[in-house]
């Protein structure tokens, strides 16, 4: 059984990283505005590959299950609050520390009214729709079929963010906890996106 899971996991990781980095490599040539579209497309690759592999390895019943789990929005309010307020809180703290040190904040690149729109776009679209169906919907589900949540999470590149920071209170831990505590419903990770 583990060999089948590793074949699926290895194929998912190879295709996801390969295609994602192909788009991101293309974006490195800085063909504005094409570069922005390549970055956004690369960000959506994990979910697209997750959906395709779910159909390929699990068929329509597993696809229906994946989509149902993405639409169930049930988690304690404290986790919704934490996931929603973590990054704005970090940003505000960084601005406060910067100001307290006597430095002036750099001029805003966008009008202030644009920040909530940008935050919503990133919060709702970039992470959740771009990543979670693949990482939590396809990959983590398979890892959890073989290992407990701690071991499965340690094998998933999206958790616990060992290479990219995050630490024990970072967002990947929140997503993983929401996923495991809510019977594999990935909608909580969507919201935490």
Protein backbone atom coordinates (compact mmCIF):
# COMPACT_ATOMS: atom_id res chain seq x y z
CA UNK A 1 0.00 0.00 0.00
CA UNK A 2 2.78 2.46 0.86
CA UNK A 3 4.41 1.87 -2.53
CA UNK A 4 1.20 2.93 -4.35
CA UNK A 5 0.92 6.05 -2.19
CA UNK A 6 4.55 6.95 -2.84
CA UNK A 7 4.07 6.56 -6.59
CA UNK A 8 1.11 8.94 -6.49
CA UNK A 9 2.88 11.35 -4.14
CA UNK A 10 6.10 11.30 -6.18
CA UNK A 11 4.22 11.89 -9.43
CA UNK A 12 2.24 14.76 -7.88
CA UNK A 13 5.35 16.43 -6.48
CA UNK A 14 7.34 16.05 -9.71
CA UNK A 15 4.58 17.44 -11.92
CA UNK A 16 3.58 20.20 -9.49
CA UNK A 17 7.11 21.48 -8.89
CA UNK A 18 8.12 21.05 -12.53
CA UNK A 19 5.16 22.91 -14.04
CA UNK A 20 5.07 25.57 -11.31
CA UNK A 21 8.74 26.39 -11.73
CA UNK A 22 8.39 26.36 -15.49
CA UNK A 23 5.89 29.22 -15.20
CA UNK A 24 7.95 31.00 -12.55
CA UNK A 25 11.14 30.62 -14.58
CA UNK A 26 9.34 32.22 -17.51
CA UNK A 27 8.31 35.07 -15.20
CA UNK A 28 11.96 35.69 -14.29
CA UNK A 29 12.55 37.16 -17.74
CA UNK A 30 10.41 40.12 -16.64
CA UNK A 31 8.11 40.55 -19.61
CA UNK A 32 5.64 42.88 -17.90
CA UNK A 33 2.67 42.36 -17.63
CA UNK A 34 3.14 38.76 -18.82
CA UNK A 35 5.35 38.01 -15.79
CA UNK A 36 2.51 38.72 -13.35
CA UNK A 37 0.23 36.32 -15.22
CA UNK A 38 2.91 33.64 -15.27
CA UNK A 39 3.39 33.97 -11.51
CA UNK A 40 -0.36 33.76 -10.86
CA UNK A 41 -0.69 30.77 -13.20
CA UNK A 42 2.24 29.03 -11.50
CA UNK A 43 0.57 29.59 -8.14
CA UNK A 44 -2.57 27.81 -9.35
CA UNK A 45 -0.68 24.73 -10.57
CA UNK A 46 -0.87 22.69 -7.31
CA UNK A 47 -4.68 22.79 -7.32
CA UNK A 48 -4.96 22.02 -11.02
CA UNK A 49 -2.55 19.09 -10.72
CA UNK A 50 -4.34 17.97 -7.53
CA UNK A 51 -7.69 17.90 -9.33
CA UNK A 52 -6.26 16.05 -12.35
CA UNK A 53 -4.45 13.50 -10.17
CA UNK A 54 -7.53 13.04 -7.98
CA UNK A 55 -9.49 12.05 -11.07
CA UNK A 56 -6.64 9.91 -12.42
CA UNK A 57 -5.97 8.00 -9.19
CA UNK A 58 -9.35 8.10 -7.47
CA UNK A 59 -11.96 8.65 -10.15
CA UNK A 60 -15.13 10.69 -9.96
CA UNK A 61 -16.12 9.54 -6.44
CA UNK A 62 -12.87 10.88 -4.99
CA UNK A 63 -13.22 14.12 -6.97
CA UNK A 64 -16.72 14.61 -5.56
CA UNK A 65 -15.38 13.94 -2.07
CA UNK A 66 -12.56 16.46 -2.58
CA UNK A 67 -14.93 19.16 -3.81
CA UNK A 68 -17.40 18.47 -0.96
CA UNK A 69 -14.58 18.79 1.59
CA UNK A 70 -13.59 22.11 0.03
CA UNK A 71 -17.06 23.52 0.59
CA UNK A 72 -17.57 22.51 4.23
CA UNK A 73 -16.86 25.53 6.37
CA UNK A 74 -16.85 24.33 9.96
CA UNK A 75 -14.10 25.22 12.40
CA UNK A 76 -13.90 26.94 15.79
CA UNK A 77 -14.00 30.73 15.54
CA UNK A 78 -10.67 31.09 17.27
CA UNK A 79 -8.94 29.33 14.34
CA UNK A 80 -10.78 31.44 11.77
CA UNK A 81 -9.72 34.56 13.66
CA UNK A 82 -6.12 33.43 13.96
CA UNK A 83 -5.85 32.50 10.29
CA UNK A 84 -7.54 35.73 9.18
CA UNK A 85 -5.64 38.12 11.42
CA UNK A 86 -2.15 36.59 11.48
CA UNK A 87 -0.62 38.37 8.48
CA UNK A 88 -2.34 41.76 8.97
CA UNK A 89 -1.18 41.59 12.61
CA UNK A 90 2.41 40.87 11.59
CA UNK A 91 2.29 43.74 9.10
CA UNK A 92 0.96 46.18 11.70
CA UNK A 93 3.55 45.08 14.27
CA UNK A 94 6.36 45.49 11.73
CA UNK A 95 5.12 48.99 10.84
CA UNK A 96 4.85 49.91 14.54
CA UNK A 97 8.38 48.68 15.31
CA UNK A 98 9.76 50.45 12.26
CA UNK A 99 8.08 53.70 13.34
CA UNK A 100 9.18 53.35 17.00
CA UNK A 101 12.79 53.05 15.85
CA UNK A 102 12.45 56.54 14.40
CA UNK A 103 12.26 55.44 10.78
CA UNK A 104 9.64 56.78 8.47
CA UNK A 105 7.54 54.35 6.52
CA UNK A 106 8.21 54.32 2.79
CA UNK A 107 5.53 55.89 0.61
CA UNK A 108 2.68 53.55 -0.25
CA UNK A 109 2.86 52.01 -3.69
CA UNK A 110 -0.93 51.78 -3.85
CA UNK A 111 -3.79 53.92 -2.55
CA UNK A 112 -4.88 52.86 0.94
CA UNK A 113 -8.33 51.79 -0.30
CA UNK A 114 -6.62 49.20 -2.50
CA UNK A 115 -5.08 47.27 0.43
CA UNK A 116 -8.29 45.47 1.52
CA UNK A 117 -8.92 44.45 -2.09
CA UNK A 118 -5.38 43.13 -2.46
CA UNK A 119 -5.59 41.35 0.89
CA UNK A 120 -8.91 39.74 -0.11
CA UNK A 121 -7.51 38.63 -3.46
CA UNK A 122 -4.45 37.03 -1.88
CA UNK A 123 -6.43 35.67 1.07
CA UNK A 124 -9.19 34.15 -1.05
CA UNK A 125 -7.55 33.30 -4.36
CA UNK A 126 -3.79 32.98 -4.40
CA UNK A 127 -3.24 30.47 -1.57
CA UNK A 128 -6.56 28.66 -1.26
CA UNK A 129 -7.55 28.27 -4.88
CA UNK A 130 -3.97 28.05 -6.04
CA UNK A 131 -2.62 25.53 -3.59
CA UNK A 132 -4.94 23.86 -1.13
CA UNK A 133 -6.79 21.48 -3.45
CA UNK A 134 -3.41 20.04 -4.38
CA UNK A 135 -1.42 20.13 -1.14
CA UNK A 136 -4.18 19.35 1.34
CA UNK A 137 -6.81 17.86 -0.93
CA UNK A 138 -4.63 15.42 -2.85
CA UNK A 139 -1.17 15.12 -1.25
CA UNK A 140 -1.94 15.34 2.47
CA UNK A 141 -4.92 13.02 2.13
CA UNK A 142 -2.65 10.33 0.74
CA UNK A 143 0.03 10.92 3.35
CA UNK A 144 -2.57 10.74 6.13
CA UNK A 145 -3.73 7.36 4.81
CA UNK A 146 -0.30 5.96 5.78
CA UNK A 147 0.92 8.04 8.72
CA UNK A 148 -0.35 9.98 11.70
CA UNK A 149 -0.81 13.75 11.22
CA UNK A 150 2.61 14.70 12.59
CA UNK A 151 4.51 12.26 10.36
CA UNK A 152 2.31 13.01 7.35
CA UNK A 153 2.76 16.74 7.83
CA UNK A 154 6.51 16.36 8.09
CA UNK A 155 6.55 14.63 4.70
CA UNK A 156 4.45 17.31 2.99
CA UNK A 157 6.42 20.19 1.42
CA UNK A 158 3.67 22.66 2.34
CA UNK A 159 4.07 21.85 6.06
CA UNK A 160 5.68 22.60 8.49
CA UNK A 161 7.50 25.18 6.43
CA UNK A 162 10.92 24.06 7.66
CA UNK A 163 12.71 25.58 4.70
CA UNK A 164 10.78 28.82 4.36
CA UNK A 165 10.16 29.92 7.95
CA UNK A 166 6.85 29.96 9.76
CA UNK A 167 7.89 28.22 12.95
CA UNK A 168 5.46 26.52 15.35
CA UNK A 169 2.89 29.31 15.07
CA UNK A 170 3.26 29.91 11.34
CA UNK A 171 0.34 29.52 8.98
CA UNK A 172 1.18 26.06 7.58
CA UNK A 173 0.72 24.67 11.09
CA UNK A 174 -2.68 26.32 11.34
CA UNK A 175 -3.79 24.85 8.02
CA UNK A 176 -2.55 21.41 8.98
CA UNK A 177 -4.29 21.57 12.37
CA UNK A 178 -7.55 22.79 10.83
CA UNK A 179 -7.38 20.01 8.24
CA UNK A 180 -6.73 17.22 10.73
CA UNK A 181 -9.09 18.47 13.44
CA UNK A 182 -12.00 18.76 11.00
CA UNK A 183 -12.00 15.28 9.46
CA UNK A 184 -10.01 16.27 6.41
CA UNK A 185 -12.20 19.18 5.36
CA UNK A 186 -9.90 21.40 3.36
CA UNK A 187 -12.30 24.35 3.40
CA UNK A 188 -10.70 25.50 6.65
CA UNK A 189 -7.35 25.68 4.90
CA UNK A 190 -9.09 27.53 2.06
CA UNK A 191 -10.26 30.17 4.48
CA UNK A 192 -6.87 30.35 6.14
CA UNK A 193 -5.27 30.62 2.68
